[in-house]
C-alpha cells in the first residue's frame, strides 16, 4: 500500500477502522495490485481522512483507515469494488482477519 507512515489527521473526534489480518502467502502479485487499487479508490471516498498500514515478514498485518463519520465508513464498506475485493480476499489471500471500528476521542503524539 502506498502512503505508509503516519496519517495526517484532524483533531478528534473521528473514526478508525482497524483491519488485522494474516496472509496465507498465495497470490502475492495479485494481492499487491488489489491493495494498491483499493488504496487509490479509498482516497477518493467522501470522509476518508488517511490510513496507516504495516505487515510483518510472517504475513501478519494491520491497516487502520480513518474516516470522519460512521456513515462514510458504511459507504466505503458498501462500495461495489471494495466489496468485490474484500470477498476475493476472503477466498484467496487471508488465513484469518479481524475488523474493528472505533471512535477516536483523544489523540496525541511525540516525542
C-alpha atoms as a PDB file:
ATOM      1  CA  UNK A   1       0.000   0.000   0.000  1.00  0.00           C
ATOM      2  CA  UNK A   2       1.209   3.467  -0.767  1.00  0.00           C
ATOM      3  CA  UNK A   3       1.128   6.171   1.837  1.00  0.00           C
ATOM      4  CA  UNK A   4       2.990   4.309   4.560  1.00  0.00           C
ATOM      5  CA  UNK A   5       3.921   6.164   7.690  1.00  0.00           C
ATOM      6  CA  UNK A   6       1.808   8.283   9.977  1.00  0.00           C
ATOM      7  CA  UNK A   7      -1.507   9.610   8.701  1.00  0.00           C
ATOM      8  CA  UNK A   8      -2.052  13.365   8.988  1.00  0.00           C
ATOM      9  CA  UNK A   9      -5.356  13.619  10.817  1.00  0.00           C
ATOM     10  CA  UNK A  10      -7.583  16.384  12.139  1.00  0.00           C
ATOM     11  CA  UNK A  11      -8.329  16.848  15.808  1.00  0.00           C
ATOM     12  CA  UNK A  12     -10.722  14.186  17.158  1.00  0.00           C
ATOM     13  CA  UNK A  13     -13.387  13.046  17.099  1.00  0.00           C
ATOM     14  CA  UNK A  14     -13.101  10.793  14.047  1.00  0.00           C
ATOM     15  CA  UNK A  15     -13.373   7.061  13.411  1.00  0.00           C
ATOM     16  CA  UNK A  16     -10.834   4.292  12.898  1.00  0.00           C
ATOM     17  CA  UNK A  17     -11.457   1.036  11.051  1.00  0.00           C
ATOM     18  CA  UNK A  18      -8.798  -1.434  12.155  1.00  0.00           C
ATOM     19  CA  UNK A  19      -8.161  -4.362   9.813  1.00  0.00           C
ATOM     20  CA  UNK A  20      -5.844  -7.023  11.246  1.00  0.00           C
ATOM     21  CA  UNK A  21      -5.001  -9.961   9.028  1.00  0.00           C
ATOM     22  CA  UNK A  22      -2.727 -12.888   8.459  1.00  0.00           C
ATOM     23  CA  UNK A  23      -1.964 -13.583   4.812  1.00  0.00           C
ATOM     24  CA  UNK A  24      -1.804 -17.152   3.552  1.00  0.00           C
ATOM     25  CA  UNK A  25       1.167 -16.472   1.253  1.00  0.00           C
ATOM     26  CA  UNK A  26      -0.695 -17.116  -2.005  1.00  0.00           C
ATOM     27  CA  UNK A  27      -1.199 -14.690  -4.871  1.00  0.00           C
ATOM     28  CA  UNK A  28       1.326 -12.067  -3.757  1.00  0.00           C
ATOM     29  CA  UNK A  29       1.347 -10.086  -7.020  1.00  0.00           C
ATOM     30  CA  UNK A  30      -2.463 -10.081  -7.289  1.00  0.00           C
ATOM     31  CA  UNK A  31      -2.764  -9.064  -3.655  1.00  0.00           C
ATOM     32  CA  UNK A  32      -0.329  -6.167  -4.049  1.00  0.00           C
ATOM     33  CA  UNK A  33      -2.152  -4.884  -7.127  1.00  0.00           C
ATOM     34  CA  UNK A  34      -5.542  -5.134  -5.394  1.00  0.00           C
ATOM     35  CA  UNK A  35      -4.247  -3.404  -2.250  1.00  0.00           C
ATOM     36  CA  UNK A  36      -2.827  -0.539  -4.314  1.00  0.00           C
ATOM     37  CA  UNK A  37      -6.090  -0.216  -6.256  1.00  0.00           C
ATOM     38  CA  UNK A  38      -8.140  -0.139  -3.037  1.00  0.00           C
ATOM     39  CA  UNK A  39      -5.872   2.499  -1.510  1.00  0.00           C
ATOM     40  CA  UNK A  40      -6.228   4.664  -4.630  1.00  0.00           C
ATOM     41  CA  UNK A  41     -10.007   4.222  -4.507  1.00  0.00           C
ATOM     42  CA  UNK A  42     -10.475   4.895  -0.785  1.00  0.00           C
ATOM     43  CA  UNK A  43      -8.551   8.155  -1.079  1.00  0.00           C
ATOM     44  CA  UNK A  44     -11.361   9.458  -3.305  1.00  0.00           C
ATOM     45  CA  UNK A  45     -14.153   8.425  -0.923  1.00  0.00           C
ATOM     46  CA  UNK A  46     -16.090  11.089   0.973  1.00  0.00           C
ATOM     47  CA  UNK A  47     -14.944  11.347   4.564  1.00  0.00           C
ATOM     48  CA  UNK A  48     -11.691   9.396   4.176  1.00  0.00           C
ATOM     49  CA  UNK A  49      -9.021  11.062   6.332  1.00  0.00           C
ATOM     50  CA  UNK A  50      -5.976   8.831   5.933  1.00  0.00           C
ATOM     51  CA  UNK A  51      -4.520   5.391   6.625  1.00  0.00           C
ATOM     52  CA  UNK A  52      -1.605   3.667   8.298  1.00  0.00           C
ATOM     53  CA  UNK A  53      -0.501   0.166   7.375  1.00  0.00           C
ATOM     54  CA  UNK A  54       2.230  -2.336   8.183  1.00  0.00           C
ATOM     55  CA  UNK A  55       2.868  -6.019   7.532  1.00  0.00           C
ATOM     56  CA  UNK A  56       5.486  -8.312   9.040  1.00  0.00           C
ATOM     57  CA  UNK A  57       7.502 -10.982   7.268  1.00  0.00           C
ATOM     58  CA  UNK A  58       5.265 -13.605   8.934  1.00  0.00           C
ATOM     59  CA  UNK A  59       2.229 -12.334   6.978  1.00  0.00           C
ATOM     60  CA  UNK A  60       0.527 -10.567   9.899  1.00  0.00           C
ATOM     61  CA  UNK A  61      -0.517  -7.009   9.146  1.00  0.00           C
ATOM     62  CA  UNK A  62      -2.610  -4.145  10.420  1.00  0.00           C
ATOM     63  CA  UNK A  63      -4.196  -1.366   8.410  1.00  0.00           C
ATOM     64  CA  UNK A  64      -6.033   1.464  10.131  1.00  0.00           C
ATOM     65  CA  UNK A  65      -8.243   3.613   7.915  1.00  0.00           C
ATOM     66  CA  UNK A  66      -9.620   6.847   9.345  1.00  0.00           C
ATOM     67  CA  UNK A  67     -12.973   8.392   8.443  1.00  0.00           C
ATOM     68  CA  UNK A  68     -14.979  11.395   9.554  1.00  0.00           C
ATOM     69  CA  UNK A  69     -18.244   9.523  10.212  1.00  0.00           C
ATOM     70  CA  UNK A  70     -19.848   6.131  10.603  1.00  0.00           C
ATOM     71  CA  UNK A  71     -21.977   6.894   7.528  1.00  0.00           C
ATOM     72  CA  UNK A  72     -18.868   7.267   5.379  1.00  0.00           C
ATOM     73  CA  UNK A  73     -17.437   4.040   6.808  1.00  0.00           C
ATOM     74  CA  UNK A  74     -20.642   2.256   5.746  1.00  0.00           C
ATOM     75  CA  UNK A  75     -20.469   3.844   2.296  1.00  0.00           C
ATOM     76  CA  UNK A  76     -16.910   2.555   1.864  1.00  0.00           C
ATOM     77  CA  UNK A  77     -17.885  -0.887   3.130  1.00  0.00           C
ATOM     78  CA  UNK A  78     -20.727  -0.991   0.592  1.00  0.00           C
ATOM     79  CA  UNK A  79     -18.707   0.357  -2.348  1.00  0.00           C
ATOM     80  CA  UNK A  80     -19.023  -2.275  -5.107  1.00  0.00           C
ATOM     81  CA  UNK A  81     -15.318  -2.533  -5.980  1.00  0.00           C
ATOM     82  CA  UNK A  82     -14.315  -2.669  -2.313  1.00  0.00           C
ATOM     83  CA  UNK A  83     -16.925  -5.336  -1.576  1.00  0.00           C
ATOM     84  CA  UNK A  84     -15.723  -7.470  -4.514  1.00  0.00           C
ATOM     85  CA  UNK A  85     -12.076  -7.173  -3.461  1.00  0.00           C
ATOM     86  CA  UNK A  86     -12.987  -7.938   0.159  1.00  0.00           C
ATOM     87  CA  UNK A  87     -14.743 -11.154  -0.933  1.00  0.00           C
ATOM     88  CA  UNK A  88     -11.764 -12.099  -3.077  1.00  0.00           C
ATOM     89  CA  UNK A  89      -9.511 -11.594  -0.067  1.00  0.00           C
ATOM     90  CA  UNK A  90     -11.615 -13.993   1.986  1.00  0.00           C
ATOM     91  CA  UNK A  91     -11.351 -16.640  -0.752  1.00  0.00           C
ATOM     92  CA  UNK A  92      -7.767 -16.186  -1.881  1.00  0.00           C
ATOM     93  CA  UNK A  93      -5.452 -14.165   0.369  1.00  0.00           C
ATOM     94  CA  UNK A  94      -6.304 -14.341   4.057  1.00  0.00           C
ATOM     95  CA  UNK A  95      -5.743 -17.120   6.535  1.00  0.00           C
ATOM     96  CA  UNK A  96      -7.665 -15.042   9.122  1.00  0.00           C
ATOM     97  CA  UNK A  97      -8.747 -11.435   9.626  1.00  0.00           C
ATOM     98  CA  UNK A  98     -10.499  -9.202  12.149  1.00  0.00           C
ATOM     99  CA  UNK A  99     -12.209  -5.857  11.564  1.00  0.00           C
ATOM    100  CA  UNK A 100     -12.865  -3.424  14.368  1.00  0.00           C
ATOM    101  CA  UNK A 101     -14.309   0.076  14.245  1.00  0.00           C
ATOM    102  CA  UNK A 102     -13.786   2.654  16.952  1.00  0.00           C
ATOM    103  CA  UNK A 103     -14.465   6.311  17.636  1.00  0.00           C
ATOM    104  CA  UNK A 104     -11.277   8.198  18.361  1.00  0.00           C
ATOM    105  CA  UNK A 105     -11.950  10.771  21.055  1.00  0.00           C
ATOM    106  CA  UNK A 106      -8.383  11.673  22.023  1.00  0.00           C
ATOM    107  CA  UNK A 107      -5.119  11.616  20.114  1.00  0.00           C
ATOM    108  CA  UNK A 108      -1.608  12.846  20.803  1.00  0.00           C
ATOM    109  CA  UNK A 109       1.912  12.144  19.587  1.00  0.00           C
ATOM    110  CA  UNK A 110       5.505  12.706  20.434  1.00  0.00           C
ATOM    111  CA  UNK A 111       8.418  12.516  21.158  1.00  0.00           C
END
